[in-house]
Amino acid sequence: MYDLAVIGGGPAGCAAAIMAARSLRRVLLLERGRFPRHKVCGEFISGEATGLLEQLLAPPYRYLIEDAPRICRARIFAGHSTVDVEIEPSAISIPRIDLDRALWHSAIQAGVDAREHLAVEAINVERPRSASRAATTYSVTIAGQSFPARALLHAGGRWSFLTSHVVRVHARKKRWIGLKAHFLEPRPSASVDLYFFPGGYCGVQPVSSTKQEDGGTLVNVCAMVDAQVARSLTEIFDCHAQLSSRSRNWQPAGSPVSTAPLLFHPPEPVRGCLLQAGDAATFVDPFIGDGISLALRSGSLAADCLQAFFAGHATLAQAAENYRTRYHQTLSPIFRASSRLRTMLNWPDLVLSPAMFLLAKSPGLTRRLVAMTR
């Protein structure tokens, strides 16, 4: 019997597994993919999350934080305007192929039973048949074998067989897709640059602090776009004149990856007694650059809320309700703020340009808006 079964080995799942295992709980961590793997991700980690990431990583992998390029500002290109925003504390950039692998092996070193390349086939809930057996247990089925657990955390991303009907309804609306690739750029800016255009945006930032042999530096190029506007990075570059001009100096450093659908919906941190973390709970608008941070924080929060249940001081339902409450208190405001900012950045240029001018002249207001997304 495992204390906790975690479905999904990304940042949210690994964070929950590591925290639970370090509290001497028996944890099963399941990942349907195989490491190393590429993921569509801006690879931006906010300064507010680096302390938590350092706690989660086993000592051999903390060099990723030390060697990561520092991102001290953001440049927003929207309409015909540009706003330069200071990022304090500074963020870092780590390729997901390195981050995910480091978190996975950190979980193993913490004592987690981590199994990759295994897809969960079914989840069974075994309810008590008598007062002497008052606890509900879960059974996770993989390749015909069942693994019982006292609690279950879904951290398997935006779309899986566990995705609720409410979320599936949202999938029938506007279809957003995500695309990412690495390129070599001769002299990239030490900033995260966000290029907005009707129907989407594209973010660019360095993901390495060292130059390659040809003098180029590795940059991450990640975009979210309406599928009716563009379906490739080349088409996305053509949607913004400054981005198109900049991209002519890039050399591909790997094949592009894509993902769909990208679904925006109200947070769903709990379903019954099933806890959900990371994108499984909800998907934050990527332009705010806090997706990895929210995944780490929600996974850690879920593990913390389950401690009272594991110790026998609360029922699973009470632990789940505590997680729901704390999630909405600490994380839900970020999703609301990102939605409002997205609405603003989609204003017609006649309205957007004066707003951008005001932000450019009001660094205090700009810092406050950034703080709302953290």
Foldseek 3Di string as FASTA:
>chain_A
DFAEEEEALAQQRLLLLLLLLLVVGAYEYEAQADALDADQAQQKAAPVQLVLLCVQFDVVLNVQVVFFQWAQWEWEAFDPDIAIAGRPPTITGAGRSSSSVRSQVSSVVSVYNYDYSWDWDDKDWDADPDPVPHAIWIWTATPNDTDIHRAYEYAHAQDDPPQDPVQVVQQVPFFKKKKKFKWWAQDDDQHWYWYDAPFWIKIKHFGGPDADPVNTGIMMIMMMGGVVQDDDVQSVCVRGPVSVVRCVRIGGPDDMDMDDGQTADQFQQDDQLYGYFQCSRNGADCVLVCRSVRSSVLSNLLSVLCPCCVVVNDGSRNSSVVSVVVCCVPPRQLRVLRVVVVVLSNDPCVVNVVVSVVCNVCNVVVVVSSVSND
